[in-house]
Amino acid sequence: MDFNIFKILEKDNKELIHSSFIKFLIEEDQEFFSKFLKIKYNEKSEVSLEKSYKNPNKSKTKNNRCRFDIEIKDDKRIIIIENKFKSFPNDNQLIEYNKSLKFNYPNHEYLKFLLYFDKNLFKTKTDWKILDYKDFVDYLKNYKNLIKNKEKIFFVNQYYIFLKEYIEKYQLILKSANTIFSNQKDNENKFWIKLFYSNLEIQLTKYFKENNLEVNVYIASGNKSIPLLNIVPSNWNTNKIELLIQIQNGELKFYAHTKNKEFLKNLIDFSKQNIDNEFTEFKNINNINEKTSYIFKIKFFNNKKIKETTELDINKMYEYILKFYNKIDTKIIKNYS
């Protein structure tokens, strides 16, 4: 591995590191505003990281704090830079940020920036200015050549090199995801899988919304040794049991949140009668001891029977997930009672 201080310290994929570097640029180079953000700089501005504010619109039982990654404030204006290095933004997050700003700074002007991996994904109409890390890399490429201080040149160049490598790897992974799914417990692969799932989350949410389907798509939080993407259609619930699709460990699973063995057995039997099982693995009812269980699953990777999926890019996986969803919806959900 080439020498790089960020990689050696294993801080290269931490959002706070990127926010801190942007803060460094803001304080060191006023032209960062005019050349990258395309706005005027106010010398009286105060720069803060991970500033937390009360959000009165959230219930008391949930986290009612809203945190801004980078805040630049003067007496008239608030500039927010939301840094999404590990995920992509969604509409609900932006709504909460906007509410918090209006509540905490009702008399200020707002300028809001989103910085993440792929600005082409975010198609929602918004008053946030959208930038991605490729834009940032392009800016740094020119900026580092203007620095005269040797220590600063070294520091900025180290950051530029590893960030450029991340952008290049992201583009490669979108074309073939097999490498990151080969060892999903690896910490670096977990980072890329979560980002990959975040990309799928945005595309799938957009599809369901455009087709007037009430489906919740989200990356599961909590102590997951392997990243997990959930797809939860509201109309699939039956007998107060939540049915959903889970994507984890290179597998697509039709899943049920229940330990009711009779219900699971009936649904598995019904699925066997209605689903082409050539590539499908059904759950053995005798091995069900958990509070949740899959009904059947199909492997994305290392499935020798499915030749067309030996190399999966983001578009193929997106299409494959929708086929899986539509097959369950039409052949099982609409016919099962």
C-alpha atoms as a PDB file:
ATOM      1  CA  MET A   1       0.000   0.000   0.000  1.00  0.00           C
ATOM      2  CA  ASP A   2       1.267   3.482  -0.860  1.00  0.00           C
ATOM      3  CA  PHE A   3       1.930   5.665   2.179  1.00  0.00           C
ATOM      4  CA  ASN A   4      -1.127   7.704   3.154  1.00  0.00           C
ATOM      5  CA  ILE A   5      -1.697   9.083   6.640  1.00  0.00           C
ATOM      6  CA  PHE A   6      -5.492   8.879   6.390  1.00  0.00           C
ATOM      7  CA  LYS A   7      -5.456   5.208   5.422  1.00  0.00           C
ATOM      8  CA  ILE A   8      -2.807   4.259   7.969  1.00  0.00           C
ATOM      9  CA  LEU A   9      -4.873   5.809  10.767  1.00  0.00           C
ATOM     10  CA  GLU A  10      -7.996   4.139   9.275  1.00  0.00           C
ATOM     11  CA  LYS A  11      -9.833   7.440   9.220  1.00  0.00           C
ATOM     12  CA  ASP A  12     -10.413   7.642   5.485  1.00  0.00           C
ATOM     13  CA  ASN A  13     -14.094   6.595   5.566  1.00  0.00           C
ATOM     14  CA  LYS A  14     -15.134   8.561   8.670  1.00  0.00           C
ATOM     15  CA  GLU A  15     -17.521  11.441   7.908  1.00  0.00           C
ATOM     16  CA  LEU A  16     -16.075  13.641  10.653  1.00  0.00           C
ATOM     17  CA  ILE A  17     -12.643  13.507   8.981  1.00  0.00           C
ATOM     18  CA  HIS A  18     -14.103  14.889   5.759  1.00  0.00           C
ATOM     19  CA  SER A  19     -16.072  17.543   7.614  1.00  0.00           C
ATOM     20  CA  SER A  20     -12.923  18.539   9.514  1.00  0.00           C
ATOM     21  CA  PHE A  21     -10.977  18.819   6.279  1.00  0.00           C
ATOM     22  CA  ILE A  22     -13.652  21.079   4.783  1.00  0.00           C
ATOM     23  CA  LYS A  23     -13.537  23.199   7.955  1.00  0.00           C
ATOM     24  CA  PHE A  24      -9.771  23.455   7.491  1.00  0.00           C
ATOM     25  CA  LEU A  25     -10.274  24.694   3.913  1.00  0.00           C
ATOM     26  CA  ILE A  26     -12.882  27.226   5.003  1.00  0.00           C
ATOM     27  CA  GLU A  27     -10.544  28.690   7.600  1.00  0.00           C
ATOM     28  CA  GLU A  28      -7.428  28.533   5.430  1.00  0.00           C
ATOM     29  CA  ASP A  29      -8.743  29.579   2.063  1.00  0.00           C
ATOM     30  CA  GLN A  30     -11.545  32.091   1.624  1.00  0.00           C
ATOM     31  CA  GLU A  31     -11.653  31.268  -2.073  1.00  0.00           C
ATOM     32  CA  PHE A  32     -13.173  27.923  -1.125  1.00  0.00           C
ATOM     33  CA  PHE A  33     -16.442  29.853  -0.896  1.00  0.00           C
ATOM     34  CA  SER A  34     -16.210  31.575  -4.237  1.00  0.00           C
ATOM     35  CA  LYS A  35     -14.670  28.713  -6.220  1.00  0.00           C
ATOM     36  CA  PHE A  36     -16.393  25.676  -4.741  1.00  0.00           C
ATOM     37  CA  LEU A  37     -19.560  26.877  -3.010  1.00  0.00           C
ATOM     38  CA  LYS A  38     -19.957  29.840  -5.375  1.00  0.00           C
ATOM     39  CA  ILE A  39     -20.935  32.254  -2.602  1.00  0.00           C
ATOM     40  CA  LYS A  40     -19.383  35.218  -0.792  1.00  0.00           C
ATOM     41  CA  TYR A  41     -17.383  34.753   2.389  1.00  0.00           C
ATOM     42  CA  ASN A  42     -18.058  36.752   5.549  1.00  0.00           C
ATOM     43  CA  GLU A  43     -14.960  37.160   7.736  1.00  0.00           C
ATOM     44  CA  LYS A  44     -17.138  37.315  10.853  1.00  0.00           C
ATOM     45  CA  SER A  45     -18.433  33.808  10.257  1.00  0.00           C
ATOM     46  CA  GLU A  46     -18.049  31.103  12.901  1.00  0.00           C
ATOM     47  CA  VAL A  47     -17.455  27.550  11.714  1.00  0.00           C
ATOM     48  CA  SER A  48     -18.736  24.605  13.799  1.00  0.00           C
ATOM     49  CA  LEU A  49     -18.776  20.834  13.312  1.00  0.00           C
ATOM     50  CA  GLU A  50     -21.627  18.504  14.213  1.00  0.00           C
ATOM     51  CA  LYS A  51     -23.706  21.258  15.768  1.00  0.00           C
ATOM     52  CA  SER A  52     -26.800  19.805  17.394  1.00  0.00           C
ATOM     53  CA  TYR A  53     -30.163  21.550  17.739  1.00  0.00           C
ATOM     54  CA  LYS A  54     -33.560  20.713  19.129  1.00  0.00           C
ATOM     55  CA  ASN A  55     -36.116  19.581  16.604  1.00  0.00           C
ATOM     56  CA  PRO A  56     -39.561  20.198  18.123  1.00  0.00           C
ATOM     57  CA  ASN A  57     -41.355  18.288  15.383  1.00  0.00           C
ATOM     58  CA  LYS A  58     -40.106  14.904  16.561  1.00  0.00           C
ATOM     59  CA  SER A  59     -41.804  13.027  19.368  1.00  0.00           C
ATOM     60  CA  LYS A  60     -40.249  12.896  22.822  1.00  0.00           C
ATOM     61  CA  THR A  61     -39.821   9.145  22.544  1.00  0.00           C
ATOM     62  CA  LYS A  62     -37.478   9.544  19.556  1.00  0.00           C
ATOM     63  CA  ASN A  63     -34.237  11.413  19.134  1.00  0.00           C
ATOM     64  CA  ASN A  64     -35.436  15.004  18.917  1.00  0.00           C
ATOM     65  CA  ARG A  65     -32.046  16.446  18.027  1.00  0.00           C
ATOM     66  CA  CYS A  66     -30.999  17.522  14.560  1.00  0.00           C
ATOM     67  CA  ARG A  67     -27.274  17.652  13.845  1.00  0.00           C
ATOM     68  CA  PHE A  68     -25.625  19.686  11.093  1.00  0.00           C
ATOM     69  CA  ASP A  69     -22.261  18.379   9.898  1.00  0.00           C
ATOM     70  CA  ILE A  70     -20.822  21.810   9.095  1.00  0.00           C
ATOM     71  CA  GLU A  71     -22.376  25.104  10.151  1.00  0.00           C
ATOM     72  CA  ILE A  72     -21.047  28.526   9.086  1.00  0.00           C
ATOM     73  CA  LYS A  73     -22.869  31.285  10.909  1.00  0.00           C
ATOM     74  CA  ASP A  74     -22.785  35.070  11.069  1.00  0.00           C
ATOM     75  CA  ASP A  75     -25.338  37.553  12.404  1.00  0.00           C
ATOM     76  CA  LYS A  76     -27.536  37.342   9.288  1.00  0.00           C
ATOM     77  CA  ARG A  77     -26.802  34.079   7.527  1.00  0.00           C
ATOM     78  CA  ILE A  78     -26.540  30.347   8.253  1.00  0.00           C
ATOM     79  CA  ILE A  79     -24.658  28.135   5.808  1.00  0.00           C
ATOM     80  CA  ILE A  80     -25.110  24.387   6.241  1.00  0.00           C
ATOM     81  CA  ILE A  81     -22.960  21.752   4.540  1.00  0.00           C
ATOM     82  CA  GLU A  82     -24.420  18.301   5.046  1.00  0.00           C
ATOM     83  CA  ASN A  83     -21.683  15.780   4.388  1.00  0.00           C
ATOM     84  CA  LYS A  84     -22.963  12.342   3.359  1.00  0.00           C
ATOM     85  CA  PHE A  85     -19.846  10.249   2.882  1.00  0.00           C
ATOM     86  CA  LYS A  86     -21.388   6.948   4.041  1.00  0.00           C
ATOM     87  CA  SER A  87     -24.845   7.256   2.530  1.00  0.00           C
ATOM     88  CA  PHE A  88     -27.120   9.254   0.253  1.00  0.00           C
ATOM     89  CA  PRO A  89     -29.600  11.872   1.477  1.00  0.00           C
ATOM     90  CA  ASN A  90     -33.326  11.262   1.418  1.00  0.00           C
ATOM     91  CA  ASP A  91     -36.343  13.567   1.316  1.00  0.00           C
ATOM     92  CA  ASN A  92     -37.318  12.986   4.952  1.00  0.00           C
ATOM     93  CA  GLN A  93     -33.888  13.999   6.229  1.00  0.00           C
ATOM     94  CA  LEU A  94     -33.979  17.249   4.290  1.00  0.00           C
ATOM     95  CA  ILE A  95     -37.456  18.026   5.615  1.00  0.00           C
ATOM     96  CA  GLU A  96     -36.227  17.565   9.195  1.00  0.00           C
ATOM     97  CA  TYR A  97     -33.145  19.736   8.561  1.00  0.00           C
ATOM     98  CA  ASN A  98     -35.323  22.499   7.110  1.00  0.00           C
ATOM     99  CA  LYS A  99     -37.719  22.386  10.060  1.00  0.00           C
ATOM    100  CA  SER A 100     -34.875  22.582  12.540  1.00  0.00           C
ATOM    101  CA  LEU A 101     -33.306  25.556  10.768  1.00  0.00           C
ATOM    102  CA  LYS A 102     -36.570  27.494  10.716  1.00  0.00           C
ATOM    103  CA  PHE A 103     -37.245  26.755  14.358  1.00  0.00           C
ATOM    104  CA  ASN A 104     -33.763  27.614  15.686  1.00  0.00           C
ATOM    105  CA  TYR A 105     -32.956  30.510  13.326  1.00  0.00           C
ATOM    106  CA  PRO A 106     -36.244  32.089  12.239  1.00  0.00           C
ATOM    107  CA  ASN A 107     -34.627  35.429  11.336  1.00  0.00           C
ATOM    108  CA  HIS A 108     -31.622  34.204   9.380  1.00  0.00           C
ATOM    109  CA  GLU A 109     -31.020  33.639   5.698  1.00  0.00           C
ATOM    110  CA  TYR A 110     -30.263  29.990   4.858  1.00  0.00           C
ATOM    111  CA  LEU A 111     -27.815  28.568   2.345  1.00  0.00           C
ATOM    112  CA  LYS A 112     -27.779  24.772   2.283  1.00  0.00           C
ATOM    113  CA  PHE A 113     -25.385  22.375   0.569  1.00  0.00           C
ATOM    114  CA  LEU A 114     -25.460  18.596   0.181  1.00  0.00           C
ATOM    115  CA  LEU A 115     -22.134  16.881  -0.448  1.00  0.00           C
ATOM    116  CA  TYR A 116     -22.127  13.152  -1.246  1.00  0.00           C
ATOM    117  CA  PHE A 117     -20.913  10.547  -3.747  1.00  0.00           C
ATOM    118  CA  ASP A 118     -23.241  10.873  -6.709  1.00  0.00           C
ATOM    119  CA  LYS A 119     -25.301  14.016  -7.375  1.00  0.00           C
ATOM    120  CA  ASN A 120     -26.902  12.415 -10.449  1.00  0.00           C
ATOM    121  CA  LEU A 121     -28.952  10.156  -8.161  1.00  0.00           C
ATOM    122  CA  PHE A 122     -30.757  12.932  -6.353  1.00  0.00           C
ATOM    123  CA  LYS A 123     -33.574  14.141  -8.614  1.00  0.00           C
ATOM    124  CA  THR A 124     -35.892  15.645  -6.005  1.00  0.00           C
ATOM    125  CA  LYS A 125     -36.761  19.311  -6.374  1.00  0.00           C
ATOM    126  CA  THR A 126     -35.063  21.068  -3.482  1.00  0.00           C
ATOM    127  CA  ASP A 127     -33.622  24.382  -2.373  1.00  0.00           C
ATOM    128  CA  TRP A 128     -30.450  22.580  -1.288  1.00  0.00           C
ATOM    129  CA  LYS A 129     -27.511  22.973  -3.641  1.00  0.00           C
ATOM    130  CA  ILE A 130     -26.248  19.539  -4.672  1.00  0.00           C
ATOM    131  CA  LEU A 131     -22.514  18.793  -4.906  1.00  0.00           C
ATOM    132  CA  ASP A 132     -20.664  15.496  -4.968  1.00  0.00           C
ATOM    133  CA  TYR A 133     -17.198  14.325  -4.056  1.00  0.00           C
ATOM    134  CA  LYS A 134     -16.092  14.292  -7.668  1.00  0.00           C
ATOM    135  CA  ASP A 135     -16.740  18.057  -7.699  1.00  0.00           C
ATOM    136  CA  PHE A 136     -14.647  18.286  -4.546  1.00  0.00           C
ATOM    137  CA  VAL A 137     -11.803  16.253  -6.071  1.00  0.00           C
ATOM    138  CA  ASP A 138     -11.794  18.521  -9.132  1.00  0.00           C
ATOM    139  CA  TYR A 139     -11.591  21.576  -6.886  1.00  0.00           C
ATOM    140  CA  LEU A 140      -8.716  20.100  -4.850  1.00  0.00           C
ATOM    141  CA  LYS A 141      -6.796  19.171  -7.974  1.00  0.00           C
ATOM    142  CA  ASN A 142      -6.472  22.863  -8.818  1.00  0.00           C
ATOM    143  CA  TYR A 143      -6.257  24.139  -5.250  1.00  0.00           C
ATOM    144  CA  LYS A 144      -3.294  21.972  -4.205  1.00  0.00           C
ATOM    145  CA  ASN A 145      -1.176  23.403  -7.011  1.00  0.00           C
ATOM    146  CA  LEU A 146      -1.598  26.912  -5.604  1.00  0.00           C
ATOM    147  CA  ILE A 147      -0.360  26.099  -2.093  1.00  0.00           C
ATOM    148  CA  LYS A 148       3.096  27.356  -1.139  1.00  0.00           C
ATOM    149  CA  ASN A 149       3.517  25.939   2.354  1.00  0.00           C
ATOM    150  CA  LYS A 150       5.212  22.503   2.102  1.00  0.00           C
ATOM    151  CA  GLU A 151       3.450  20.960   5.099  1.00  0.00           C
ATOM    152  CA  LYS A 152       0.096  22.094   3.814  1.00  0.00           C
ATOM    153  CA  ILE A 153       0.881  20.787   0.323  1.00  0.00           C
ATOM    154  CA  PHE A 154       1.654  17.371   1.800  1.00  0.00           C
ATOM    155  CA  PHE A 155      -1.522  17.327   3.912  1.00  0.00           C
ATOM    156  CA  VAL A 156      -3.878  18.422   1.121  1.00  0.00           C
ATOM    157  CA  ASN A 157      -2.249  16.111  -1.413  1.00  0.00           C
ATOM    158  CA  GLN A 158      -2.621  13.105   0.913  1.00  0.00           C
ATOM    159  CA  TYR A 159      -6.314  13.841   1.293  1.00  0.00           C
ATOM    160  CA  TYR A 160      -6.735  14.438  -2.441  1.00  0.00           C
ATOM    161  CA  ILE A 161      -5.076  11.115  -3.359  1.00  0.00           C
ATOM    162  CA  PHE A 162      -7.197   8.910  -1.122  1.00  0.00           C
ATOM    163  CA  LEU A 163     -10.436  10.755  -1.963  1.00  0.00           C
ATOM    164  CA  LYS A 164      -9.734  10.388  -5.671  1.00  0.00           C
ATOM    165  CA  GLU A 165      -9.218   6.643  -5.127  1.00  0.00           C
ATOM    166  CA  TYR A 166     -12.575   6.414  -3.352  1.00  0.00           C
ATOM    167  CA  ILE A 167     -14.378   8.098  -6.237  1.00  0.00           C
ATOM    168  CA  GLU A 168     -12.731   5.753  -8.730  1.00  0.00           C
ATOM    169  CA  LYS A 169     -13.589   2.676  -6.638  1.00  0.00           C
ATOM    170  CA  TYR A 170     -17.209   3.799  -6.290  1.00  0.00           C
ATOM    171  CA  GLN A 171     -17.532   3.956 -10.086  1.00  0.00           C
ATOM    172  CA  LEU A 172     -15.993   0.477 -10.427  1.00  0.00           C
ATOM    173  CA  ILE A 173     -18.304  -1.021  -7.802  1.00  0.00           C
ATOM    174  CA  LEU A 174     -21.381   0.302  -9.588  1.00  0.00           C
ATOM    175  CA  LYS A 175     -20.218  -1.667 -12.650  1.00  0.00           C
ATOM    176  CA  SER A 176     -19.460  -4.849 -10.686  1.00  0.00           C
ATOM    177  CA  ALA A 177     -20.446  -5.393  -7.063  1.00  0.00           C
ATOM    178  CA  ASN A 178     -19.045  -8.924  -6.800  1.00  0.00           C
ATOM    179  CA  THR A 179     -15.787  -7.852  -5.160  1.00  0.00           C
ATOM    180  CA  ILE A 180     -17.413  -6.185  -2.147  1.00  0.00           C
ATOM    181  CA  PHE A 181     -19.869  -9.046  -1.587  1.00  0.00           C
ATOM    182  CA  SER A 182     -17.163 -11.720  -1.536  1.00  0.00           C
ATOM    183  CA  ASN A 183     -16.344 -10.958   2.119  1.00  0.00           C
ATOM    184  CA  GLN A 184     -19.133  -8.928   3.697  1.00  0.00           C
ATOM    185  CA  LYS A 185     -17.698  -8.997   7.217  1.00  0.00           C
ATOM    186  CA  ASP A 186     -14.644  -7.067   6.092  1.00  0.00           C
ATOM    187  CA  ASN A 187     -14.897  -3.514   7.487  1.00  0.00           C
ATOM    188  CA  GLU A 188     -13.938  -1.811   4.218  1.00  0.00           C
ATOM    189  CA  ASN A 189     -16.405  -3.931   2.265  1.00  0.00           C
ATOM    190  CA  LYS A 190     -19.118  -3.057   4.803  1.00  0.00           C
ATOM    191  CA  PHE A 191     -18.588   0.614   4.012  1.00  0.00           C
ATOM    192  CA  TRP A 192     -19.025   0.017   0.271  1.00  0.00           C
ATOM    193  CA  ILE A 193     -21.985  -2.345   0.720  1.00  0.00           C
ATOM    194  CA  LYS A 194     -23.822   0.267   2.815  1.00  0.00           C
ATOM    195  CA  LEU A 195     -23.116   2.885   0.154  1.00  0.00           C
ATOM    196  CA  PHE A 196     -24.248   0.457  -2.554  1.00  0.00           C
ATOM    197  CA  TYR A 197     -27.462  -0.272  -0.623  1.00  0.00           C
ATOM    198  CA  SER A 198     -27.966   3.447  -0.104  1.00  0.00           C
ATOM    199  CA  ASN A 199     -27.847   3.900  -3.878  1.00  0.00           C
ATOM    200  CA  LEU A 200     -30.446   1.129  -4.287  1.00  0.00           C
ATOM    201  CA  GLU A 201     -32.575   2.627  -1.521  1.00  0.00           C
ATOM    202  CA  ILE A 202     -32.888   5.908  -3.431  1.00  0.00           C
ATOM    203  CA  GLN A 203     -33.674   4.218  -6.755  1.00  0.00           C
ATOM    204  CA  LEU A 204     -36.232   1.823  -5.257  1.00  0.00           C
ATOM    205  CA  THR A 205     -37.934   4.524  -3.194  1.00  0.00           C
ATOM    206  CA  LYS A 206     -38.250   6.637  -6.345  1.00  0.00           C
ATOM    207  CA  TYR A 207     -39.760   3.709  -8.281  1.00  0.00           C
ATOM    208  CA  PHE A 208     -42.358   2.905  -5.614  1.00  0.00           C
ATOM    209  CA  LYS A 209     -43.281   6.557  -5.182  1.00  0.00           C
ATOM    210  CA  GLU A 210     -43.757   7.086  -8.932  1.00  0.00           C
ATOM    211  CA  ASN A 211     -45.997   4.014  -9.063  1.00  0.00           C
ATOM    212  CA  ASN A 212     -48.088   5.136  -6.058  1.00  0.00           C
ATOM    213  CA  LEU A 213     -46.968   2.163  -3.976  1.00  0.00           C
ATOM    214  CA  GLU A 214     -46.601   2.571  -0.221  1.00  0.00           C
ATOM    215  CA  VAL A 215     -43.296   0.794   0.373  1.00  0.00           C
ATOM    216  CA  ASN A 216     -40.715   1.635   3.018  1.00  0.00           C
ATOM    217  CA  VAL A 217     -37.122   1.022   1.880  1.00  0.00           C
ATOM    218  CA  TYR A 218     -34.371   1.442   4.441  1.00  0.00           C
ATOM    219  CA  ILE A 219     -30.966   0.193   5.568  1.00  0.00           C
ATOM    220  CA  ALA A 220     -31.360  -1.504   8.931  1.00  0.00           C
ATOM    221  CA  SER A 221     -29.533   0.180  11.799  1.00  0.00           C
ATOM    222  CA  GLY A 222     -28.236  -1.439  14.960  1.00  0.00           C
ATOM    223  CA  ASN A 223     -25.678  -4.173  15.515  1.00  0.00           C
ATOM    224  CA  LYS A 224     -25.661  -5.852  12.137  1.00  0.00           C
ATOM    225  CA  SER A 225     -22.483  -7.803  11.406  1.00  0.00           C
ATOM    226  CA  ILE A 226     -23.448  -7.694   7.722  1.00  0.00           C
ATOM    227  CA  PRO A 227     -25.318  -4.698   6.162  1.00  0.00           C
ATOM    228  CA  LEU A 228     -29.021  -5.277   5.568  1.00  0.00           C
ATOM    229  CA  LEU A 229     -31.526  -3.583   3.237  1.00  0.00           C
ATOM    230  CA  ASN A 230     -35.242  -3.918   4.023  1.00  0.00           C
ATOM    231  CA  ILE A 231     -38.142  -3.443   1.572  1.00  0.00           C
ATOM    232  CA  VAL A 232     -41.460  -3.313   3.454  1.00  0.00           C
ATOM    233  CA  PRO A 233     -44.680  -2.957   1.398  1.00  0.00           C
ATOM    234  CA  SER A 234     -47.571  -1.824   3.595  1.00  0.00           C
ATOM    235  CA  ASN A 235     -50.118  -3.965   1.689  1.00  0.00           C
ATOM    236  CA  TRP A 236     -48.198  -7.195   2.334  1.00  0.00           C
ATOM    237  CA  ASN A 237     -49.084  -7.320   6.030  1.00  0.00           C
ATOM    238  CA  THR A 238     -51.441 -10.190   6.748  1.00  0.00           C
ATOM    239  CA  ASN A 239     -52.936 -11.345  10.080  1.00  0.00           C
ATOM    240  CA  LYS A 240     -50.933  -8.515  11.694  1.00  0.00           C
ATOM    241  CA  ILE A 241     -47.717 -10.167  10.481  1.00  0.00           C
ATOM    242  CA  GLU A 242     -45.198  -8.054   8.605  1.00  0.00           C
ATOM    243  CA  LEU A 243     -43.997  -9.581   5.335  1.00  0.00           C
ATOM    244  CA  LEU A 244     -41.037  -8.001   3.561  1.00  0.00           C
ATOM    245  CA  ILE A 245     -37.978  -8.449   1.391  1.00  0.00           C
ATOM    246  CA  GLN A 246     -34.527  -8.508   2.948  1.00  0.00           C
ATOM    247  CA  ILE A 247     -31.265  -8.147   1.065  1.00  0.00           C
ATOM    248  CA  GLN A 248     -28.256  -9.366   2.982  1.00  0.00           C
ATOM    249  CA  ASN A 249     -25.138 -11.461   2.478  1.00  0.00           C
ATOM    250  CA  GLY A 250     -25.651 -11.615  -1.291  1.00  0.00           C
ATOM    251  CA  GLU A 251     -29.158 -13.053  -0.928  1.00  0.00           C
ATOM    252  CA  LEU A 252     -32.714 -11.899  -1.677  1.00  0.00           C
ATOM    253  CA  LYS A 253     -35.123 -13.154   0.981  1.00  0.00           C
ATOM    254  CA  PHE A 254     -38.900 -13.156   1.236  1.00  0.00           C
ATOM    255  CA  TYR A 255     -39.198 -12.660   4.979  1.00  0.00           C
ATOM    256  CA  ALA A 256     -41.785 -12.829   7.784  1.00  0.00           C
ATOM    257  CA  HIS A 257     -41.580 -11.196  11.197  1.00  0.00           C
ATOM    258  CA  THR A 258     -43.255 -13.956  13.170  1.00  0.00           C
ATOM    259  CA  LYS A 259     -42.471 -17.163  15.059  1.00  0.00           C
ATOM    260  CA  ASN A 260     -45.908 -18.635  14.293  1.00  0.00           C
ATOM    261  CA  LYS A 261     -44.892 -21.990  12.801  1.00  0.00           C
ATOM    262  CA  GLU A 262     -48.357 -22.789  11.458  1.00  0.00           C
ATOM    263  CA  PHE A 263     -48.506 -19.504   9.544  1.00  0.00           C
ATOM    264  CA  LEU A 264     -44.966 -19.989   8.221  1.00  0.00           C
ATOM    265  CA  LYS A 265     -45.641 -23.582   7.149  1.00  0.00           C
ATOM    266  CA  ASN A 266     -48.800 -22.577   5.256  1.00  0.00           C
ATOM    267  CA  LEU A 267     -47.059 -19.677   3.533  1.00  0.00           C
ATOM    268  CA  ILE A 268     -44.035 -21.807   2.593  1.00  0.00           C
ATOM    269  CA  ASP A 269     -46.294 -24.529   1.158  1.00  0.00           C
ATOM    270  CA  PHE A 270     -48.298 -21.939  -0.781  1.00  0.00           C
ATOM    271  CA  SER A 271     -45.093 -20.364  -2.114  1.00  0.00           C
ATOM    272  CA  LYS A 272     -43.781 -23.737  -3.292  1.00  0.00           C
ATOM    273  CA  GLN A 273     -46.940 -24.191  -5.344  1.00  0.00           C
ATOM    274  CA  ASN A 274     -46.780 -20.747  -6.939  1.00  0.00           C
ATOM    275  CA  ILE A 275     -43.074 -19.924  -7.338  1.00  0.00           C
ATOM    276  CA  ASP A 276     -40.687 -21.453  -9.845  1.00  0.00           C
ATOM    277  CA  ASN A 277     -38.316 -23.149  -7.406  1.00  0.00           C
ATOM    278  CA  GLU A 278     -35.470 -24.019  -9.770  1.00  0.00           C
ATOM    279  CA  PHE A 279     -33.268 -21.290  -8.257  1.00  0.00           C
ATOM    280  CA  THR A 280     -35.148 -20.910  -4.983  1.00  0.00           C
ATOM    281  CA  GLU A 281     -34.277 -22.234  -1.542  1.00  0.00           C
ATOM    282  CA  PHE A 282     -37.283 -22.653   0.760  1.00  0.00           C
ATOM    283  CA  LYS A 283     -37.025 -22.560   4.538  1.00  0.00           C
ATOM    284  CA  ASN A 284     -37.131 -25.923   6.309  1.00  0.00           C
ATOM    285  CA  ILE A 285     -40.018 -25.516   8.742  1.00  0.00           C
ATOM    286  CA  ASN A 286     -38.373 -27.923  11.221  1.00  0.00           C
ATOM    287  CA  ASN A 287     -35.447 -25.518  11.671  1.00  0.00           C
ATOM    288  CA  ILE A 288     -37.506 -22.478  12.659  1.00  0.00           C
ATOM    289  CA  ASN A 289     -36.678 -21.418  16.214  1.00  0.00           C
ATOM    290  CA  GLU A 290     -36.270 -17.652  15.796  1.00  0.00           C
ATOM    291  CA  LYS A 291     -38.796 -14.834  16.137  1.00  0.00           C
ATOM    292  CA  THR A 292     -38.395 -14.131  12.410  1.00  0.00           C
ATOM    293  CA  SER A 293     -37.796 -16.359   9.413  1.00  0.00           C
ATOM    294  CA  TYR A 294     -37.346 -16.246   5.668  1.00  0.00           C
ATOM    295  CA  ILE A 295     -39.921 -18.026   3.499  1.00  0.00           C
ATOM    296  CA  PHE A 296     -37.616 -18.513   0.538  1.00  0.00           C
ATOM    297  CA  LYS A 297     -34.454 -16.940  -0.796  1.00  0.00           C
ATOM    298  CA  ILE A 298     -32.375 -16.604  -3.941  1.00  0.00           C
ATOM    299  CA  LYS A 299     -28.654 -15.950  -4.054  1.00  0.00           C
ATOM    300  CA  PHE A 300     -27.268 -12.962  -5.939  1.00  0.00           C
ATOM    301  CA  PHE A 301     -23.706 -14.212  -5.909  1.00  0.00           C
ATOM    302  CA  ASN A 302     -21.942 -17.549  -6.125  1.00  0.00           C
ATOM    303  CA  ASN A 303     -25.063 -19.108  -7.607  1.00  0.00           C
ATOM    304  CA  LYS A 304     -23.808 -21.318 -10.418  1.00  0.00           C
ATOM    305  CA  LYS A 305     -27.354 -21.900 -11.674  1.00  0.00           C
ATOM    306  CA  ILE A 306     -27.918 -18.225 -12.470  1.00  0.00           C
ATOM    307  CA  LYS A 307     -25.309 -17.499 -15.116  1.00  0.00           C
ATOM    308  CA  GLU A 308     -26.526 -14.006 -15.932  1.00  0.00           C
ATOM    309  CA  THR A 309     -25.746 -12.821 -12.388  1.00  0.00           C
ATOM    310  CA  THR A 310     -22.068 -13.813 -12.326  1.00  0.00           C
ATOM    311  CA  GLU A 311     -21.266 -10.106 -12.771  1.00  0.00           C
ATOM    312  CA  LEU A 312     -23.865  -7.794 -11.235  1.00  0.00           C
ATOM    313  CA  ASP A 313     -23.803  -4.045 -11.645  1.00  0.00           C
ATOM    314  CA  ILE A 314     -26.084  -1.655  -9.783  1.00  0.00           C
ATOM    315  CA  ASN A 315     -28.656  -1.568 -12.616  1.00  0.00           C
ATOM    316  CA  LYS A 316     -28.918  -5.360 -12.899  1.00  0.00           C
ATOM    317  CA  MET A 317     -29.343  -5.694  -9.154  1.00  0.00           C
ATOM    318  CA  TYR A 318     -32.027  -2.996  -9.135  1.00  0.00           C
ATOM    319  CA  GLU A 319     -33.927  -4.801 -11.920  1.00  0.00           C
ATOM    320  CA  TYR A 320     -33.486  -8.175 -10.221  1.00  0.00           C
ATOM    321  CA  ILE A 321     -34.913  -6.838  -6.934  1.00  0.00           C
ATOM    322  CA  LEU A 322     -37.960  -5.422  -8.721  1.00  0.00           C
ATOM    323  CA  LYS A 323     -38.574  -8.752 -10.485  1.00  0.00           C
ATOM    324  CA  PHE A 324     -38.374 -10.509  -7.117  1.00  0.00           C
ATOM    325  CA  TYR A 325     -40.802  -7.989  -5.596  1.00  0.00           C
ATOM    326  CA  ASN A 326     -43.288  -8.230  -8.487  1.00  0.00           C
ATOM    327  CA  LYS A 327     -43.212 -12.037  -8.487  1.00  0.00           C
ATOM    328  CA  ILE A 328     -44.045 -12.167  -4.761  1.00  0.00           C
ATOM    329  CA  ASP A 329     -46.675  -9.438  -5.095  1.00  0.00           C
ATOM    330  CA  THR A 330     -48.539 -11.023  -8.026  1.00  0.00           C
ATOM    331  CA  LYS A 331     -48.105 -14.748  -7.351  1.00  0.00           C
ATOM    332  CA  ILE A 332     -48.276 -14.835  -3.556  1.00  0.00           C
ATOM    333  CA  ILE A 333     -49.622 -11.693  -1.883  1.00  0.00           C
ATOM    334  CA  LYS A 334     -52.596 -11.168  -4.206  1.00  0.00           C
ATOM    335  CA  ASN A 335     -53.584 -14.854  -4.086  1.00  0.00           C
ATOM    336  CA  TYR A 336     -52.825 -15.827  -0.494  1.00  0.00           C
ATOM    337  CA  SER A 337     -55.525 -15.693   2.138  1.00  0.00           C
END
